Amino acid sequence: MHGNLYKPQKNMKPILLCSLYIDLQLSIACMQVYWC
């Protein structure tokens, strides 16, 4: 049971990193639009 509880948390980390990376790309894109 412990292994099953730990697995979803391990899978969540890359998803959180991806969402952070997407947010970063969106903010950079917004900055580029405003500067142009």
PDB file of N, CA and C in Angstrom:
ATOM      1  N   MET A   1       0.839  -1.201   0.000  1.00  0.00           N
ATOM      2  CA  MET A   1       0.000   0.000   0.000  1.00  0.00           C
ATOM      3  C   MET A   1       0.882   1.262   0.000  1.00  0.00           C
ATOM      4  N   HIS A   2       1.986   1.204   0.689  1.00  0.00           N
ATOM      5  CA  HIS A   2       2.878   2.365   0.744  1.00  0.00           C
ATOM      6  C   HIS A   2       3.405   2.711  -0.645  1.00  0.00           C
ATOM      7  N   GLY A   3       3.742   1.667  -1.435  1.00  0.00           N
ATOM      8  CA  GLY A   3       4.263   1.894  -2.777  1.00  0.00           C
ATOM      9  C   GLY A   3       3.229   2.570  -3.675  1.00  0.00           C
ATOM     10  N   ASN A   4       1.961   2.173  -3.528  1.00  0.00           N
ATOM     11  CA  ASN A   4       0.904   2.758  -4.347  1.00  0.00           C
ATOM     12  C   ASN A   4       0.679   4.229  -4.010  1.00  0.00           C
ATOM     13  N   LEU A   5       0.851   4.587  -2.737  1.00  0.00           N
ATOM     14  CA  LEU A   5       0.665   5.980  -2.326  1.00  0.00           C
ATOM     15  C   LEU A   5       1.829   6.843  -2.808  1.00  0.00           C
ATOM     16  N   TYR A   6       3.013   6.237  -2.900  1.00  0.00           N
ATOM     17  CA  TYR A   6       4.208   7.007  -3.263  1.00  0.00           C
ATOM     18  C   TYR A   6       4.286   7.239  -4.768  1.00  0.00           C
ATOM     19  N   LYS A   7       3.757   6.296  -5.552  1.00  0.00           N
ATOM     20  CA  LYS A   7       3.872   6.390  -7.006  1.00  0.00           C
ATOM     21  C   LYS A   7       3.238   7.652  -7.597  1.00  0.00           C
ATOM     22  N   PRO A   8       1.988   8.022  -7.218  1.00  0.00           N
ATOM     23  CA  PRO A   8       1.376   9.225  -7.800  1.00  0.00           C
ATOM     24  C   PRO A   8       2.188  10.488  -7.516  1.00  0.00           C
ATOM     25  N   GLN A   9       2.782  10.576  -6.320  1.00  0.00           N
ATOM     26  CA  GLN A   9       3.584  11.751  -5.977  1.00  0.00           C
ATOM     27  C   GLN A   9       4.801  11.837  -6.895  1.00  0.00           C
ATOM     28  N   LYS A  10       5.399  10.680  -7.208  1.00  0.00           N
ATOM     29  CA  LYS A  10       6.565  10.645  -8.085  1.00  0.00           C
ATOM     30  C   LYS A  10       6.175  11.093  -9.493  1.00  0.00           C
ATOM     31  N   ASN A  11       4.959  10.717  -9.920  1.00  0.00           N
ATOM     32  CA  ASN A  11       4.495  11.085 -11.255  1.00  0.00           C
ATOM     33  C   ASN A  11       4.077  12.552 -11.331  1.00  0.00           C
ATOM     34  N   MET A  12       3.731  13.130 -10.191  1.00  0.00           N
ATOM     35  CA  MET A  12       3.274  14.521 -10.172  1.00  0.00           C
ATOM     36  C   MET A  12       4.426  15.497 -10.394  1.00  0.00           C
ATOM     37  N   LYS A  13       5.630  15.142  -9.958  1.00  0.00           N
ATOM     38  CA  LYS A  13       6.757  16.072 -10.021  1.00  0.00           C
ATOM     39  C   LYS A  13       7.041  16.537 -11.453  1.00  0.00           C
ATOM     40  N   PRO A  14       7.164  15.637 -12.441  1.00  0.00           N
ATOM     41  CA  PRO A  14       7.402  16.092 -13.815  1.00  0.00           C
ATOM     42  C   PRO A  14       6.270  16.959 -14.348  1.00  0.00           C
ATOM     43  N   ILE A  15       5.033  16.643 -13.954  1.00  0.00           N
ATOM     44  CA  ILE A  15       3.878  17.433 -14.410  1.00  0.00           C
ATOM     45  C   ILE A  15       3.980  18.856 -13.865  1.00  0.00           C
ATOM     46  N   LEU A  16       4.363  18.987 -12.591  1.00  0.00           N
ATOM     47  CA  LEU A  16       4.522  20.312 -11.984  1.00  0.00           C
ATOM     48  C   LEU A  16       5.644  21.072 -12.673  1.00  0.00           C
ATOM     49  N   LEU A  17       6.740  20.382 -12.988  1.00  0.00           N
ATOM     50  CA  LEU A  17       7.867  21.018 -13.670  1.00  0.00           C
ATOM     51  C   LEU A  17       7.443  21.474 -15.061  1.00  0.00           C
ATOM     52  N   CYS A  18       6.657  20.641 -15.742  1.00  0.00           N
ATOM     53  CA  CYS A  18       6.183  21.000 -17.080  1.00  0.00           C
ATOM     54  C   CYS A  18       5.285  22.230 -17.018  1.00  0.00           C
ATOM     55  N   SER A  19       4.378  22.278 -16.041  1.00  0.00           N
ATOM     56  CA  SER A  19       3.472  23.423 -15.913  1.00  0.00           C
ATOM     57  C   SER A  19       4.263  24.686 -15.595  1.00  0.00           C
ATOM     58  N   LEU A  20       5.305  24.561 -14.768  1.00  0.00           N
ATOM     59  CA  LEU A  20       6.158  25.713 -14.463  1.00  0.00           C
ATOM     60  C   LEU A  20       6.869  26.182 -15.722  1.00  0.00           C
ATOM     61  N   TYR A  21       7.344  25.239 -16.528  1.00  0.00           N
ATOM     62  CA  TYR A  21       8.059  25.565 -17.764  1.00  0.00           C
ATOM     63  C   TYR A  21       7.125  26.244 -18.756  1.00  0.00           C
ATOM     64  N   ILE A  22       5.878  25.760 -18.834  1.00  0.00           N
ATOM     65  CA  ILE A  22       4.884  26.364 -19.730  1.00  0.00           C
ATOM     66  C   ILE A  22       4.564  27.780 -19.263  1.00  0.00           C
ATOM     67  N   ASP A  23       4.396  27.976 -17.959  1.00  0.00           N
ATOM     68  CA  ASP A  23       4.136  29.311 -17.405  1.00  0.00           C
ATOM     69  C   ASP A  23       5.286  30.247 -17.744  1.00  0.00           C
ATOM     70  N   LEU A  24       6.516  29.744 -17.633  1.00  0.00           N
ATOM     71  CA  LEU A  24       7.700  30.543 -17.930  1.00  0.00           C
ATOM     72  C   LEU A  24       7.699  30.947 -19.398  1.00  0.00           C
ATOM     73  N   GLN A  25       7.400  29.998 -20.293  1.00  0.00           N
ATOM     74  CA  GLN A  25       7.365  30.283 -21.728  1.00  0.00           C
ATOM     75  C   GLN A  25       6.268  31.291 -22.048  1.00  0.00           C
ATOM     76  N   LEU A  26       5.110  31.161 -21.392  1.00  0.00           N
ATOM     77  CA  LEU A  26       4.003  32.090 -21.625  1.00  0.00           C
ATOM     78  C   LEU A  26       4.377  33.494 -21.182  1.00  0.00           C
ATOM     79  N   SER A  27       5.025  33.617 -20.038  1.00  0.00           N
ATOM     80  CA  SER A  27       5.419  34.933 -19.533  1.00  0.00           C
ATOM     81  C   SER A  27       6.448  35.564 -20.460  1.00  0.00           C
ATOM     82  N   ILE A  28       7.387  34.752 -20.984  1.00  0.00           N
ATOM     83  CA  ILE A  28       8.391  35.267 -21.926  1.00  0.00           C
ATOM     84  C   ILE A  28       7.697  35.719 -23.209  1.00  0.00           C
ATOM     85  N   ALA A  29       6.746  34.930 -23.695  1.00  0.00           N
ATOM     86  CA  ALA A  29       6.014  35.286 -24.909  1.00  0.00           C
ATOM     87  C   ALA A  29       5.238  36.582 -24.700  1.00  0.00           C
ATOM     88  N   CYS A  30       4.612  36.742 -23.546  1.00  0.00           N
ATOM     89  CA  CYS A  30       3.868  37.964 -23.233  1.00  0.00           C
ATOM     90  C   CYS A  30       4.810  39.165 -23.198  1.00  0.00           C
ATOM     91  N   MET A  31       5.978  38.993 -22.600  1.00  0.00           N
ATOM     92  CA  MET A  31       6.955  40.075 -22.522  1.00  0.00           C
ATOM     93  C   MET A  31       7.399  40.491 -23.923  1.00  0.00           C
ATOM     94  N   GLN A  32       7.629  39.505 -24.795  1.00  0.00           N
ATOM     95  CA  GLN A  32       8.054  39.790 -26.162  1.00  0.00           C
ATOM     96  C   GLN A  32       6.971  40.569 -26.904  1.00  0.00           C
ATOM     97  N   VAL A  33       5.718  40.184 -26.686  1.00  0.00           N
ATOM     98  CA  VAL A  33       4.597  40.871 -27.344  1.00  0.00           C
ATOM     99  C   VAL A  33       4.523  42.321 -26.868  1.00  0.00           C
ATOM    100  N   TYR A  34       4.675  42.522 -25.556  1.00  0.00           N
ATOM    101  CA  TYR A  34       4.573  43.879 -25.010  1.00  0.00           C
ATOM    102  C   TYR A  34       5.756  44.740 -25.438  1.00  0.00           C
ATOM    103  N   TRP A  35       6.946  44.137 -25.554  1.00  0.00           N
ATOM    104  CA  TRP A  35       8.119  44.903 -25.974  1.00  0.00           C
ATOM    105  C   TRP A  35       8.012  45.280 -27.445  1.00  0.00           C
ATOM    106  N   CYS A  36       7.379  44.414 -28.243  1.00  0.00           N
ATOM    107  CA  CYS A  36       7.187  44.730 -29.664  1.00  0.00           C
ATOM    108  C   CYS A  36       5.944  45.614 -29.800  1.00  0.00           C
TER     109      CYS A  36
END
